[in-house]
Amino acid sequence: MPKQRPKGLFLQFVHSFGHAFRGLFWALGSQRNLRFHLVAAVWVCYLGFFARFSAGQWGLIALCCGSVLAAELGNTALEVLCDKVCPEHDSAIGRCKDVAAAAVLVAAIAAAAVGLLLFCQSGRPARLLAALRSPWPLPLTALLLLASWLLVRGGLNKK
C-alpha cells in the first residue's frame, strides 16, 4: 500500500523536509567527500569565531560553505542516478559525472580563495594564533580534531 501524503498545504510542506533530511543523512553516511567538506566548513566557522568576522564576512562564509555542500550533494545525486540508469561503463555518463565533480571542485576552490582572503587580512593570523594559544580553546580544539577524524573516516562503526 503506498504511503499517503499528508493533507493540507502546510503539512505537505513540513513533510517534504523529512525527505530532504533523509537524503542529507544518507549522503553524510555514504559520501566521504561530503563529510570532508562538512568538517572543513565546521573548522572555518570555529576559526572564524576567533578571527572575529563581521556580519557580512559571516554571510560570505555561509554562502561559500553552503555552495560547496550543495554542489557535493548535487554531484552525489547525479552519480546515484547515473549508476542506476546505466550500471555499465558509458563514456557520456562518465563525462556527466566528471562535469558534476568539476562543479564541486570549482565551488571548493572559490570557497578556499574567499577563506584565504578573509583569514589572511591584516592582523587576523596573529589574532588567531594568540587566541588558540590561550588555555580554554585547547580542549575544544582537541575534541574537534577527534570528531573531525571520526566523521571523515566514517564514524566508529566503520570496518
N, C-alpha and C. Protein backbone atom coordinates (compact mmCIF):
# COMPACT_ATOMS: atom_id res chain seq x y z
N MET A 1 0.84 -1.18 0.00
CA MET A 1 0.00 0.00 0.00
C MET A 1 0.89 1.24 0.00
N PRO A 2 0.67 2.15 -0.95
CA PRO A 2 1.51 3.36 -1.00
C PRO A 2 1.26 4.27 0.19
N LYS A 3 2.31 4.99 0.55
CA LYS A 3 2.19 5.94 1.66
C LYS A 3 1.25 7.07 1.26
N GLN A 4 0.44 7.48 2.20
CA GLN A 4 -0.47 8.59 1.93
C GLN A 4 0.23 9.90 2.26
N ARG A 5 0.00 10.87 1.39
CA ARG A 5 0.56 12.20 1.63
C ARG A 5 -0.28 12.90 2.67
N PRO A 6 0.35 13.70 3.50
CA PRO A 6 -0.43 14.46 4.48
C PRO A 6 -1.36 15.44 3.78
N LYS A 7 -2.49 15.68 4.42
CA LYS A 7 -3.47 16.61 3.85
C LYS A 7 -3.16 18.01 4.34
N GLY A 8 -3.37 18.94 3.48
CA GLY A 8 -3.12 20.33 3.83
C GLY A 8 -1.77 20.79 3.32
N LEU A 9 -1.76 21.98 2.79
CA LEU A 9 -0.55 22.53 2.18
C LEU A 9 0.60 22.65 3.18
N PHE A 10 0.31 23.11 4.39
CA PHE A 10 1.37 23.27 5.38
C PHE A 10 1.96 21.92 5.78
N LEU A 11 1.11 20.92 6.01
CA LEU A 11 1.61 19.59 6.39
C LEU A 11 2.43 18.97 5.26
N GLN A 12 2.02 19.18 4.02
CA GLN A 12 2.81 18.68 2.89
C GLN A 12 4.18 19.36 2.85
N PHE A 13 4.18 20.65 3.14
CA PHE A 13 5.42 21.41 3.16
C PHE A 13 6.36 20.86 4.25
N VAL A 14 5.83 20.66 5.44
CA VAL A 14 6.63 20.12 6.55
C VAL A 14 7.09 18.71 6.23
N HIS A 15 6.22 17.91 5.63
CA HIS A 15 6.55 16.53 5.27
C HIS A 15 7.72 16.48 4.29
N SER A 16 7.80 17.46 3.39
CA SER A 16 8.88 17.48 2.41
C SER A 16 10.24 17.64 3.07
N PHE A 17 10.29 18.29 4.23
CA PHE A 17 11.56 18.41 4.94
C PHE A 17 12.08 17.04 5.37
N GLY A 18 11.18 16.13 5.67
CA GLY A 18 11.59 14.77 6.04
C GLY A 18 12.38 14.12 4.92
N HIS A 19 11.92 14.30 3.68
CA HIS A 19 12.65 13.74 2.53
C HIS A 19 14.03 14.38 2.41
N ALA A 20 14.08 15.69 2.59
CA ALA A 20 15.36 16.40 2.48
C ALA A 20 16.34 15.92 3.55
N PHE A 21 15.87 15.79 4.78
CA PHE A 21 16.77 15.34 5.85
C PHE A 21 17.18 13.89 5.65
N ARG A 22 16.26 13.05 5.16
CA ARG A 22 16.61 11.66 4.89
C ARG A 22 17.72 11.60 3.84
N GLY A 23 17.61 12.42 2.79
CA GLY A 23 18.65 12.46 1.76
C GLY A 23 19.97 12.98 2.30
N LEU A 24 19.90 14.01 3.13
CA LEU A 24 21.11 14.58 3.71
C LEU A 24 21.82 13.56 4.59
N PHE A 25 21.08 12.88 5.46
CA PHE A 25 21.71 11.92 6.36
C PHE A 25 22.23 10.70 5.61
N TRP A 26 21.51 10.28 4.56
CA TRP A 26 22.03 9.18 3.75
C TRP A 26 23.35 9.59 3.10
N ALA A 27 23.38 10.79 2.53
CA ALA A 27 24.60 11.25 1.86
C ALA A 27 25.75 11.40 2.86
N LEU A 28 25.46 11.93 4.04
CA LEU A 28 26.52 12.05 5.05
C LEU A 28 27.04 10.69 5.47
N GLY A 29 26.16 9.70 5.52
CA GLY A 29 26.59 8.36 5.91
C GLY A 29 27.37 7.63 4.83
N SER A 30 27.15 7.99 3.57
CA SER A 30 27.75 7.21 2.49
C SER A 30 28.82 7.95 1.68
N GLN A 31 28.90 9.26 1.82
CA GLN A 31 29.80 10.03 0.96
C GLN A 31 30.92 10.69 1.76
N ARG A 32 32.11 10.12 1.65
CA ARG A 32 33.26 10.63 2.40
C ARG A 32 33.60 12.08 2.03
N ASN A 33 33.52 12.42 0.75
CA ASN A 33 33.86 13.78 0.34
C ASN A 33 32.90 14.80 0.94
N LEU A 34 31.62 14.45 1.05
CA LEU A 34 30.66 15.35 1.69
C LEU A 34 31.03 15.54 3.16
N ARG A 35 31.40 14.46 3.83
CA ARG A 35 31.82 14.58 5.23
C ARG A 35 33.07 15.44 5.35
N PHE A 36 33.99 15.30 4.41
CA PHE A 36 35.21 16.12 4.42
C PHE A 36 34.84 17.60 4.29
N HIS A 37 33.97 17.93 3.34
CA HIS A 37 33.58 19.33 3.15
C HIS A 37 32.82 19.87 4.35
N LEU A 38 32.00 19.03 4.98
CA LEU A 38 31.29 19.46 6.18
C LEU A 38 32.27 19.76 7.31
N VAL A 39 33.25 18.89 7.48
CA VAL A 39 34.28 19.12 8.51
C VAL A 39 35.06 20.40 8.21
N ALA A 40 35.39 20.63 6.96
CA ALA A 40 36.09 21.86 6.59
C ALA A 40 35.24 23.08 6.94
N ALA A 41 33.94 23.01 6.68
CA ALA A 41 33.05 24.13 7.00
C ALA A 41 32.99 24.37 8.51
N VAL A 42 32.95 23.30 9.28
CA VAL A 42 32.93 23.44 10.74
C VAL A 42 34.22 24.09 11.22
N TRP A 43 35.37 23.69 10.67
CA TRP A 43 36.64 24.29 11.07
C TRP A 43 36.71 25.77 10.69
N VAL A 44 36.19 26.11 9.53
CA VAL A 44 36.17 27.52 9.12
C VAL A 44 35.34 28.33 10.12
N CYS A 45 34.19 27.79 10.52
CA CYS A 45 33.34 28.50 11.49
C CYS A 45 34.02 28.59 12.85
N TYR A 46 34.66 27.52 13.27
CA TYR A 46 35.35 27.51 14.56
C TYR A 46 36.47 28.56 14.57
N LEU A 47 37.30 28.54 13.54
CA LEU A 47 38.40 29.51 13.47
C LEU A 47 37.87 30.92 13.24
N GLY A 48 36.76 31.02 12.52
CA GLY A 48 36.15 32.32 12.29
C GLY A 48 35.69 32.99 13.57
N PHE A 49 35.29 32.18 14.55
CA PHE A 49 34.92 32.73 15.85
C PHE A 49 36.09 33.50 16.46
N PHE A 50 37.29 32.94 16.35
CA PHE A 50 38.48 33.60 16.90
C PHE A 50 38.94 34.76 16.02
N ALA A 51 38.64 34.69 14.73
CA ALA A 51 39.04 35.76 13.81
C ALA A 51 38.14 36.98 13.92
N ARG A 52 37.02 36.83 14.59
CA ARG A 52 36.06 37.93 14.80
C ARG A 52 35.60 38.56 13.48
N PHE A 53 34.99 37.75 12.66
CA PHE A 53 34.47 38.24 11.39
C PHE A 53 33.28 39.16 11.60
N SER A 54 33.07 40.04 10.64
CA SER A 54 31.90 40.92 10.65
C SER A 54 30.68 40.11 10.16
N ALA A 55 29.51 40.69 10.30
CA ALA A 55 28.29 40.01 9.85
C ALA A 55 28.34 39.73 8.35
N GLY A 56 28.84 40.68 7.59
CA GLY A 56 28.96 40.48 6.14
C GLY A 56 29.93 39.37 5.79
N GLN A 57 31.03 39.29 6.53
CA GLN A 57 32.01 38.23 6.29
C GLN A 57 31.43 36.87 6.66
N TRP A 58 30.66 36.81 7.74
CA TRP A 58 29.99 35.56 8.10
C TRP A 58 29.00 35.15 7.02
N GLY A 59 28.31 36.13 6.44
CA GLY A 59 27.39 35.83 5.35
C GLY A 59 28.11 35.24 4.16
N LEU A 60 29.27 35.79 3.84
CA LEU A 60 30.07 35.27 2.74
C LEU A 60 30.55 33.85 3.03
N ILE A 61 30.96 33.60 4.26
CA ILE A 61 31.38 32.26 4.65
C ILE A 61 30.21 31.28 4.54
N ALA A 62 29.04 31.69 5.01
CA ALA A 62 27.85 30.82 4.92
C ALA A 62 27.53 30.51 3.46
N LEU A 63 27.60 31.51 2.60
CA LEU A 63 27.35 31.28 1.17
C LEU A 63 28.36 30.31 0.57
N CYS A 64 29.62 30.50 0.89
CA CYS A 64 30.67 29.62 0.35
C CYS A 64 30.50 28.19 0.84
N CYS A 65 30.32 28.03 2.14
CA CYS A 65 30.16 26.68 2.70
C CYS A 65 28.91 26.01 2.14
N GLY A 66 27.82 26.76 2.08
CA GLY A 66 26.58 26.22 1.54
C GLY A 66 26.71 25.84 0.08
N SER A 67 27.43 26.64 -0.69
CA SER A 67 27.62 26.34 -2.11
C SER A 67 28.41 25.05 -2.31
N VAL A 68 29.46 24.87 -1.55
CA VAL A 68 30.27 23.66 -1.68
C VAL A 68 29.46 22.43 -1.27
N LEU A 69 28.75 22.52 -0.15
CA LEU A 69 27.95 21.38 0.30
C LEU A 69 26.82 21.08 -0.68
N ALA A 70 26.17 22.12 -1.21
CA ALA A 70 25.10 21.91 -2.19
C ALA A 70 25.65 21.29 -3.48
N ALA A 71 26.82 21.75 -3.92
CA ALA A 71 27.43 21.17 -5.12
C ALA A 71 27.77 19.70 -4.88
N GLU A 72 28.27 19.38 -3.71
CA GLU A 72 28.60 17.99 -3.38
C GLU A 72 27.35 17.12 -3.35
N LEU A 73 26.27 17.65 -2.77
CA LEU A 73 25.00 16.90 -2.75
C LEU A 73 24.45 16.70 -4.16
N GLY A 74 24.53 17.74 -4.99
CA GLY A 74 24.09 17.60 -6.38
C GLY A 74 24.92 16.59 -7.14
N ASN A 75 26.22 16.60 -6.93
CA ASN A 75 27.12 15.63 -7.54
C ASN A 75 26.75 14.22 -7.12
N THR A 76 26.48 14.04 -5.84
CA THR A 76 26.10 12.72 -5.33
C THR A 76 24.80 12.26 -5.95
N ALA A 77 23.80 13.14 -6.01
CA ALA A 77 22.51 12.78 -6.60
C ALA A 77 22.69 12.36 -8.06
N LEU A 78 23.48 13.11 -8.81
CA LEU A 78 23.70 12.78 -10.21
C LEU A 78 24.42 11.44 -10.36
N GLU A 79 25.42 11.19 -9.52
CA GLU A 79 26.15 9.92 -9.59
C GLU A 79 25.24 8.74 -9.28
N VAL A 80 24.39 8.88 -8.25
CA VAL A 80 23.47 7.79 -7.90
C VAL A 80 22.51 7.53 -9.06
N LEU A 81 21.97 8.58 -9.64
CA LEU A 81 21.05 8.43 -10.76
C LEU A 81 21.75 7.80 -11.96
N CYS A 82 22.94 8.27 -12.29
CA CYS A 82 23.68 7.71 -13.43
C CYS A 82 23.98 6.23 -13.22
N ASP A 83 24.38 5.86 -12.01
CA ASP A 83 24.69 4.46 -11.72
C ASP A 83 23.45 3.59 -11.82
N LYS A 84 22.30 4.13 -11.47
CA LYS A 84 21.04 3.38 -11.55
C LYS A 84 20.60 3.23 -13.00
N VAL A 85 20.69 4.31 -13.77
CA VAL A 85 20.22 4.30 -15.16
C VAL A 85 21.15 3.47 -16.05
N CYS A 86 22.44 3.57 -15.80
CA CYS A 86 23.42 2.90 -16.66
C CYS A 86 24.52 2.29 -15.80
N PRO A 87 24.29 1.07 -15.27
CA PRO A 87 25.29 0.48 -14.37
C PRO A 87 26.61 0.13 -15.07
N GLU A 88 26.57 -0.14 -16.37
CA GLU A 88 27.81 -0.44 -17.08
C GLU A 88 28.50 0.86 -17.48
N HIS A 89 29.77 0.75 -17.82
CA HIS A 89 30.53 1.96 -18.19
C HIS A 89 29.98 2.56 -19.48
N ASP A 90 29.80 3.86 -19.46
CA ASP A 90 29.34 4.60 -20.64
C ASP A 90 30.10 5.92 -20.65
N SER A 91 30.69 6.26 -21.79
CA SER A 91 31.53 7.47 -21.83
C SER A 91 30.72 8.74 -21.61
N ALA A 92 29.49 8.80 -22.09
CA ALA A 92 28.66 10.00 -21.88
C ALA A 92 28.30 10.15 -20.40
N ILE A 93 27.96 9.04 -19.77
CA ILE A 93 27.65 9.07 -18.33
C ILE A 93 28.91 9.48 -17.56
N GLY A 94 30.05 8.96 -17.97
CA GLY A 94 31.31 9.32 -17.32
C GLY A 94 31.59 10.81 -17.42
N ARG A 95 31.30 11.40 -18.60
CA ARG A 95 31.50 12.84 -18.76
C ARG A 95 30.56 13.63 -17.85
N CYS A 96 29.30 13.17 -17.75
CA CYS A 96 28.34 13.84 -16.85
C CYS A 96 28.87 13.84 -15.42
N LYS A 97 29.36 12.69 -14.98
CA LYS A 97 29.90 12.58 -13.62
C LYS A 97 31.12 13.47 -13.45
N ASP A 98 31.98 13.51 -14.46
CA ASP A 98 33.17 14.36 -14.39
C ASP A 98 32.81 15.84 -14.29
N VAL A 99 31.82 16.26 -15.06
CA VAL A 99 31.41 17.66 -15.03
C VAL A 99 30.80 18.00 -13.67
N ALA A 100 30.00 17.09 -13.11
CA ALA A 100 29.42 17.33 -11.78
C ALA A 100 30.53 17.43 -10.73
N ALA A 101 31.53 16.57 -10.84
CA ALA A 101 32.66 16.63 -9.90
C ALA A 101 33.43 17.93 -10.09
N ALA A 102 33.54 18.40 -11.32
CA ALA A 102 34.22 19.67 -11.58
C ALA A 102 33.47 20.83 -10.94
N ALA A 103 32.14 20.76 -10.90
CA ALA A 103 31.36 21.81 -10.25
C ALA A 103 31.71 21.89 -8.77
N VAL A 104 31.88 20.75 -8.14
CA VAL A 104 32.29 20.73 -6.73
C VAL A 104 33.68 21.33 -6.59
N LEU A 105 34.58 20.96 -7.48
CA LEU A 105 35.94 21.48 -7.43
C LEU A 105 35.97 23.00 -7.57
N VAL A 106 35.21 23.53 -8.52
CA VAL A 106 35.18 24.98 -8.73
C VAL A 106 34.63 25.68 -7.49
N ALA A 107 33.54 25.14 -6.92
CA ALA A 107 32.96 25.75 -5.71
C ALA A 107 33.96 25.70 -4.55
N ALA A 108 34.66 24.57 -4.42
CA ALA A 108 35.62 24.43 -3.32
C ALA A 108 36.81 25.37 -3.49
N ILE A 109 37.30 25.53 -4.71
CA ILE A 109 38.42 26.44 -4.95
C ILE A 109 38.00 27.88 -4.66
N ALA A 110 36.81 28.25 -5.11
CA ALA A 110 36.32 29.61 -4.85
C ALA A 110 36.15 29.84 -3.35
N ALA A 111 35.61 28.85 -2.64
CA ALA A 111 35.43 28.98 -1.19
C ALA A 111 36.78 29.09 -0.49
N ALA A 112 37.76 28.30 -0.94
CA ALA A 112 39.09 28.37 -0.33
C ALA A 112 39.72 29.74 -0.58
N ALA A 113 39.52 30.29 -1.76
CA ALA A 113 40.06 31.63 -2.06
C ALA A 113 39.43 32.68 -1.16
N VAL A 114 38.12 32.60 -0.98
CA VAL A 114 37.44 33.54 -0.08
C VAL A 114 37.97 33.38 1.34
N GLY A 115 38.12 32.12 1.77
CA GLY A 115 38.65 31.86 3.11
C GLY A 115 40.03 32.44 3.30
N LEU A 116 40.90 32.25 2.32
CA LEU A 116 42.25 32.82 2.42
C LEU A 116 42.21 34.34 2.50
N LEU A 117 41.38 34.95 1.67
CA LEU A 117 41.28 36.41 1.70
C LEU A 117 40.78 36.91 3.06
N LEU A 118 39.81 36.20 3.63
CA LEU A 118 39.26 36.64 4.92
C LEU A 118 40.22 36.37 6.08
N PHE A 119 40.80 35.17 6.10
CA PHE A 119 41.65 34.80 7.23
C PHE A 119 43.01 35.49 7.19
N CYS A 120 43.47 35.88 6.02
CA CYS A 120 44.80 36.48 5.91
C CYS A 120 44.79 38.00 5.91
N GLN A 121 43.65 38.60 6.23
CA GLN A 121 43.61 40.06 6.33
C GLN A 121 44.53 40.52 7.45
N SER A 122 44.96 41.73 7.36
CA SER A 122 45.91 42.31 8.31
C SER A 122 45.51 42.04 9.76
N GLY A 123 46.42 41.43 10.50
CA GLY A 123 46.23 41.20 11.92
C GLY A 123 45.49 39.93 12.28
N ARG A 124 44.77 39.33 11.34
CA ARG A 124 43.99 38.14 11.67
C ARG A 124 44.84 36.92 12.01
N PRO A 125 45.89 36.61 11.24
CA PRO A 125 46.69 35.43 11.60
C PRO A 125 47.25 35.52 13.02
N ALA A 126 47.75 36.69 13.41
CA ALA A 126 48.29 36.86 14.76
C ALA A 126 47.19 36.72 15.80
N ARG A 127 46.01 37.27 15.51
CA ARG A 127 44.88 37.17 16.44
C ARG A 127 44.45 35.71 16.62
N LEU A 128 44.43 34.96 15.51
CA LEU A 128 44.07 33.54 15.58
C LEU A 128 45.07 32.77 16.43
N LEU A 129 46.36 32.98 16.17
CA LEU A 129 47.38 32.27 16.94
C LEU A 129 47.32 32.61 18.42
N ALA A 130 47.13 33.87 18.74
CA ALA A 130 47.04 34.27 20.14
C ALA A 130 45.83 33.64 20.81
N ALA A 131 44.72 33.63 20.12
CA ALA A 131 43.50 33.04 20.71
C ALA A 131 43.65 31.54 20.91
N LEU A 132 44.25 30.86 19.94
CA LEU A 132 44.38 29.41 20.04
C LEU A 132 45.46 28.99 21.04
N ARG A 133 46.37 29.90 21.39
CA ARG A 133 47.39 29.59 22.39
C ARG A 133 46.86 29.71 23.81
N SER A 134 45.78 30.44 23.97
CA SER A 134 45.22 30.57 25.32
C SER A 134 44.65 29.22 25.76
N PRO A 135 44.56 29.00 27.08
CA PRO A 135 44.22 27.66 27.58
C PRO A 135 42.82 27.15 27.23
N TRP A 136 41.82 28.01 27.21
CA TRP A 136 40.47 27.48 27.09
C TRP A 136 40.13 26.85 25.74
N PRO A 137 40.69 27.27 24.59
CA PRO A 137 40.31 26.60 23.35
C PRO A 137 40.98 25.24 23.13
N LEU A 138 42.03 24.94 23.88
CA LEU A 138 42.77 23.70 23.63
C LEU A 138 41.92 22.44 23.75
N PRO A 139 41.15 22.26 24.83
CA PRO A 139 40.33 21.04 24.90
C PRO A 139 39.28 20.98 23.79
N LEU A 140 38.68 22.12 23.48
CA LEU A 140 37.68 22.16 22.42
C LEU A 140 38.31 21.85 21.06
N THR A 141 39.50 22.38 20.83
CA THR A 141 40.20 22.11 19.58
C THR A 141 40.55 20.63 19.47
N ALA A 142 41.03 20.05 20.56
CA ALA A 142 41.36 18.62 20.55
C ALA A 142 40.11 17.78 20.29
N LEU A 143 39.01 18.13 20.92
CA LEU A 143 37.75 17.41 20.72
C LEU A 143 37.28 17.55 19.28
N LEU A 144 37.40 18.74 18.73
CA LEU A 144 37.01 18.97 17.34
C LEU A 144 37.90 18.19 16.37
N LEU A 145 39.19 18.09 16.67
CA LEU A 145 40.09 17.29 15.85
C LEU A 145 39.67 15.82 15.84
N LEU A 146 39.37 15.29 17.01
CA LEU A 146 38.94 13.90 17.12
C LEU A 146 37.62 13.68 16.38
N ALA A 147 36.66 14.57 16.59
CA ALA A 147 35.36 14.45 15.92
C ALA A 147 35.53 14.56 14.40
N SER A 148 36.42 15.43 13.95
CA SER A 148 36.67 15.58 12.52
C SER A 148 37.23 14.30 11.93
N TRP A 149 38.20 13.73 12.61
CA TRP A 149 38.82 12.50 12.14
C TRP A 149 37.78 11.38 12.06
N LEU A 150 36.97 11.24 13.11
CA LEU A 150 35.95 10.19 13.12
C LEU A 150 34.91 10.40 12.02
N LEU A 151 34.49 11.64 11.82
CA LEU A 151 33.46 11.91 10.82
C LEU A 151 33.97 11.66 9.41
N VAL A 152 35.16 12.14 9.09
CA VAL A 152 35.69 11.93 7.75
C VAL A 152 35.97 10.45 7.53
N ARG A 153 36.45 9.79 8.54
CA ARG A 153 36.76 8.37 8.47
C ARG A 153 35.50 7.55 8.29
N GLY A 154 34.38 8.02 8.80
CA GLY A 154 33.13 7.30 8.63
C GLY A 154 32.49 6.90 9.93
N GLY A 155 33.05 7.31 11.04
CA GLY A 155 32.43 7.02 12.33
C GLY A 155 33.06 5.83 13.01
N LEU A 156 32.52 5.50 14.15
CA LEU A 156 33.07 4.42 14.97
C LEU A 156 32.74 3.04 14.43
N ASN A 157 31.67 2.90 13.65
CA ASN A 157 31.21 1.58 13.22
C ASN A 157 31.83 1.13 11.91
N LYS A 158 32.69 1.92 11.32
CA LYS A 158 33.29 1.53 10.04
C LYS A 158 34.29 0.40 10.26
N LYS A 159 34.21 -0.59 9.38
CA LYS A 159 35.12 -1.74 9.50
C LYS A 159 36.33 -1.57 8.62
